[in-house]
Amino acid sequence: MITRIIDLTHTVATYRTPAGPHHDPSAARQAVATGLDVDDAAELLYRDWMRIEAVAGNRQGLHTAVTRVQQVNRALDCSLELATEQLVNDLLNGSSAAVRIQDPQLRCQ
């Protein structure tokens, strides 16, 4: 059940983040917040959150998301996933391409 919630949350965030007719950063943020309430260690959702803040131009929000995922992983005594490390590096160094990348972990079943 938790996996399906995370997948659905990711889908909503991915759908609502890019510019276009469905762009709604508030809805994307709410979806991510809901998913993180269910599983606060879901790195996929932190990557979504980072992309949302980057698209919105919210540097402080981006730093908040990065700090939070780092804190969660420290508490769990594990490293960030490679995809998360790369995204953090790209977003903090100004790579706009990182925002457009679709996360390959979501698979329709």
C-alpha atoms as a PDB file:
ATOM      1  CA  MET A   1       0.000   0.000   0.000  1.00  0.00           C
ATOM      2  CA  ILE A   2       2.781   2.430   0.915  1.00  0.00           C
ATOM      3  CA  THR A   3       4.527   1.784  -2.406  1.00  0.00           C
ATOM      4  CA  ARG A   4       1.366   2.634  -4.317  1.00  0.00           C
ATOM      5  CA  ILE A   5       0.923   5.854  -2.351  1.00  0.00           C
ATOM      6  CA  ILE A   6       4.518   6.842  -3.083  1.00  0.00           C
ATOM      7  CA  ASP A   7       4.066   6.010  -6.781  1.00  0.00           C
ATOM      8  CA  LEU A   8       0.853   8.021  -6.994  1.00  0.00           C
ATOM      9  CA  THR A   9       2.416  10.936  -5.151  1.00  0.00           C
ATOM     10  CA  HIS A  10       5.387  10.875  -7.519  1.00  0.00           C
ATOM     11  CA  THR A  11       3.054  10.784 -10.516  1.00  0.00           C
ATOM     12  CA  VAL A  12       1.111  13.836  -9.317  1.00  0.00           C
ATOM     13  CA  ALA A  13       4.314  15.759  -8.583  1.00  0.00           C
ATOM     14  CA  THR A  14       5.780  14.842 -11.976  1.00  0.00           C
ATOM     15  CA  TYR A  15       2.566  15.878 -13.735  1.00  0.00           C
ATOM     16  CA  ARG A  16       2.180  19.187 -11.860  1.00  0.00           C
ATOM     17  CA  THR A  17       5.800  20.407 -11.814  1.00  0.00           C
ATOM     18  CA  PRO A  18       6.719  21.209 -15.453  1.00  0.00           C
ATOM     19  CA  ALA A  19       5.569  24.417 -17.136  1.00  0.00           C
ATOM     20  CA  GLY A  20       2.444  23.956 -19.186  1.00  0.00           C
ATOM     21  CA  PRO A  21      -1.309  23.668 -18.772  1.00  0.00           C
ATOM     22  CA  HIS A  22      -1.080  21.332 -15.770  1.00  0.00           C
ATOM     23  CA  HIS A  23       1.606  23.320 -13.922  1.00  0.00           C
ATOM     24  CA  ASP A  24       0.549  23.667 -10.291  1.00  0.00           C
ATOM     25  CA  PRO A  25       3.471  23.840  -7.846  1.00  0.00           C
ATOM     26  CA  SER A  26       1.126  24.002  -4.850  1.00  0.00           C
ATOM     27  CA  ALA A  27      -0.564  20.743  -5.842  1.00  0.00           C
ATOM     28  CA  ALA A  28       2.836  19.158  -6.499  1.00  0.00           C
ATOM     29  CA  ARG A  29       4.112  20.265  -3.075  1.00  0.00           C
ATOM     30  CA  GLN A  30       0.964  18.986  -1.364  1.00  0.00           C
ATOM     31  CA  ALA A  31       1.319  15.611  -3.072  1.00  0.00           C
ATOM     32  CA  VAL A  32       4.948  15.318  -1.956  1.00  0.00           C
ATOM     33  CA  ALA A  33       4.075  16.371   1.596  1.00  0.00           C
ATOM     34  CA  THR A  34       1.341  13.736   1.719  1.00  0.00           C
ATOM     35  CA  GLY A  35       3.708  11.044   0.456  1.00  0.00           C
ATOM     36  CA  LEU A  36       6.416  12.019   2.944  1.00  0.00           C
ATOM     37  CA  ASP A  37       3.844  11.797   5.741  1.00  0.00           C
ATOM     38  CA  VAL A  38       3.391   8.162   4.726  1.00  0.00           C
ATOM     39  CA  ASP A  39       7.108   7.404   4.254  1.00  0.00           C
ATOM     40  CA  ASP A  40       9.570  10.082   5.301  1.00  0.00           C
ATOM     41  CA  ALA A  41      12.479   8.091   3.853  1.00  0.00           C
ATOM     42  CA  ALA A  42      11.195   7.980   0.253  1.00  0.00           C
ATOM     43  CA  GLU A  43      14.103   9.584  -1.596  1.00  0.00           C
ATOM     44  CA  LEU A  44      12.118   9.597  -4.814  1.00  0.00           C
ATOM     45  CA  LEU A  45       9.785  12.142  -3.210  1.00  0.00           C
ATOM     46  CA  TYR A  46      12.655  14.283  -1.974  1.00  0.00           C
ATOM     47  CA  ARG A  47      13.932  14.421  -5.554  1.00  0.00           C
ATOM     48  CA  ASP A  48      10.463  15.520  -6.650  1.00  0.00           C
ATOM     49  CA  TRP A  49      10.429  18.163  -3.907  1.00  0.00           C
ATOM     50  CA  MET A  50      13.820  19.468  -5.024  1.00  0.00           C
ATOM     51  CA  ARG A  51      12.648  19.724  -8.632  1.00  0.00           C
ATOM     52  CA  ILE A  52       9.480  21.550  -7.567  1.00  0.00           C
ATOM     53  CA  GLU A  53      11.489  24.136  -5.651  1.00  0.00           C
ATOM     54  CA  ALA A  54      14.003  24.508  -8.477  1.00  0.00           C
ATOM     55  CA  VAL A  55      11.245  25.103 -11.041  1.00  0.00           C
ATOM     56  CA  ALA A  56       9.634  27.621  -8.678  1.00  0.00           C
ATOM     57  CA  GLY A  57      12.957  29.405  -8.259  1.00  0.00           C
ATOM     58  CA  ASN A  58      12.745  28.823  -4.515  1.00  0.00           C
ATOM     59  CA  ARG A  59      16.393  28.402  -3.536  1.00  0.00           C
ATOM     60  CA  GLN A  60      15.549  28.328   0.180  1.00  0.00           C
ATOM     61  CA  GLY A  61      12.958  25.595  -0.404  1.00  0.00           C
ATOM     62  CA  LEU A  62      15.528  23.634  -2.401  1.00  0.00           C
ATOM     63  CA  HIS A  63      18.001  23.865   0.475  1.00  0.00           C
ATOM     64  CA  THR A  64      15.277  22.801   2.919  1.00  0.00           C
ATOM     65  CA  ALA A  65      14.529  19.674   0.867  1.00  0.00           C
ATOM     66  CA  VAL A  66      18.224  18.813   0.557  1.00  0.00           C
ATOM     67  CA  THR A  67      18.815  19.310   4.277  1.00  0.00           C
ATOM     68  CA  ARG A  68      15.803  17.200   5.198  1.00  0.00           C
ATOM     69  CA  VAL A  69      16.750  14.207   3.029  1.00  0.00           C
ATOM     70  CA  GLN A  70      20.286  14.374   4.415  1.00  0.00           C
ATOM     71  CA  GLN A  71      18.958  14.403   7.991  1.00  0.00           C
ATOM     72  CA  VAL A  72      16.671  11.439   7.350  1.00  0.00           C
ATOM     73  CA  ASN A  73      19.475   9.421   5.794  1.00  0.00           C
ATOM     74  CA  ARG A  74      21.858  10.289   8.615  1.00  0.00           C
ATOM     75  CA  ALA A  75      19.251   9.083  11.116  1.00  0.00           C
ATOM     76  CA  LEU A  76      18.932   5.850   9.137  1.00  0.00           C
ATOM     77  CA  ASP A  77      22.726   5.602   8.862  1.00  0.00           C
ATOM     78  CA  CYS A  78      22.698   5.284   5.089  1.00  0.00           C
ATOM     79  CA  SER A  79      24.013   7.199   2.114  1.00  0.00           C
ATOM     80  CA  LEU A  80      21.985   9.164  -0.383  1.00  0.00           C
ATOM     81  CA  GLU A  81      21.039   7.289  -3.529  1.00  0.00           C
ATOM     82  CA  LEU A  82      23.263   8.122  -6.485  1.00  0.00           C
ATOM     83  CA  ALA A  83      20.323   9.735  -8.312  1.00  0.00           C
ATOM     84  CA  THR A  84      19.715  12.019  -5.324  1.00  0.00           C
ATOM     85  CA  GLU A  85      23.377  12.994  -5.022  1.00  0.00           C
ATOM     86  CA  GLN A  86      23.515  13.818  -8.729  1.00  0.00           C
ATOM     87  CA  LEU A  87      20.309  15.845  -8.628  1.00  0.00           C
ATOM     88  CA  VAL A  88      21.483  17.850  -5.599  1.00  0.00           C
ATOM     89  CA  ASN A  89      24.763  18.581  -7.349  1.00  0.00           C
ATOM     90  CA  ASP A  90      23.041  19.566 -10.600  1.00  0.00           C
ATOM     91  CA  LEU A  91      20.417  21.779  -8.966  1.00  0.00           C
ATOM     92  CA  LEU A  92      22.802  23.535  -6.608  1.00  0.00           C
ATOM     93  CA  ASN A  93      25.186  24.189  -9.487  1.00  0.00           C
ATOM     94  CA  GLY A  94      22.458  25.596 -11.713  1.00  0.00           C
ATOM     95  CA  SER A  95      21.777  22.800 -14.182  1.00  0.00           C
ATOM     96  CA  SER A  96      18.281  23.403 -15.521  1.00  0.00           C
ATOM     97  CA  ALA A  97      18.408  20.043 -17.333  1.00  0.00           C
ATOM     98  CA  ALA A  98      18.131  18.301 -13.955  1.00  0.00           C
ATOM     99  CA  VAL A  99      14.621  19.644 -13.522  1.00  0.00           C
ATOM    100  CA  ARG A 100      13.419  18.119 -16.799  1.00  0.00           C
ATOM    101  CA  ILE A 101      14.777  14.627 -16.140  1.00  0.00           C
ATOM    102  CA  GLN A 102      12.057  12.109 -15.455  1.00  0.00           C
ATOM    103  CA  ASP A 103      12.908   9.821 -12.570  1.00  0.00           C
ATOM    104  CA  PRO A 104      13.327   6.286 -13.942  1.00  0.00           C
ATOM    105  CA  GLN A 105      12.191   4.627 -10.718  1.00  0.00           C
ATOM    106  CA  LEU A 106       8.482   5.074 -11.434  1.00  0.00           C
ATOM    107  CA  ARG A 107       7.188   2.117 -13.392  1.00  0.00           C
ATOM    108  CA  CYS A 108       3.564   1.585 -14.354  1.00  0.00           C
ATOM    109  CA  GLN A 109       2.356  -1.839 -13.459  1.00  0.00           C
END
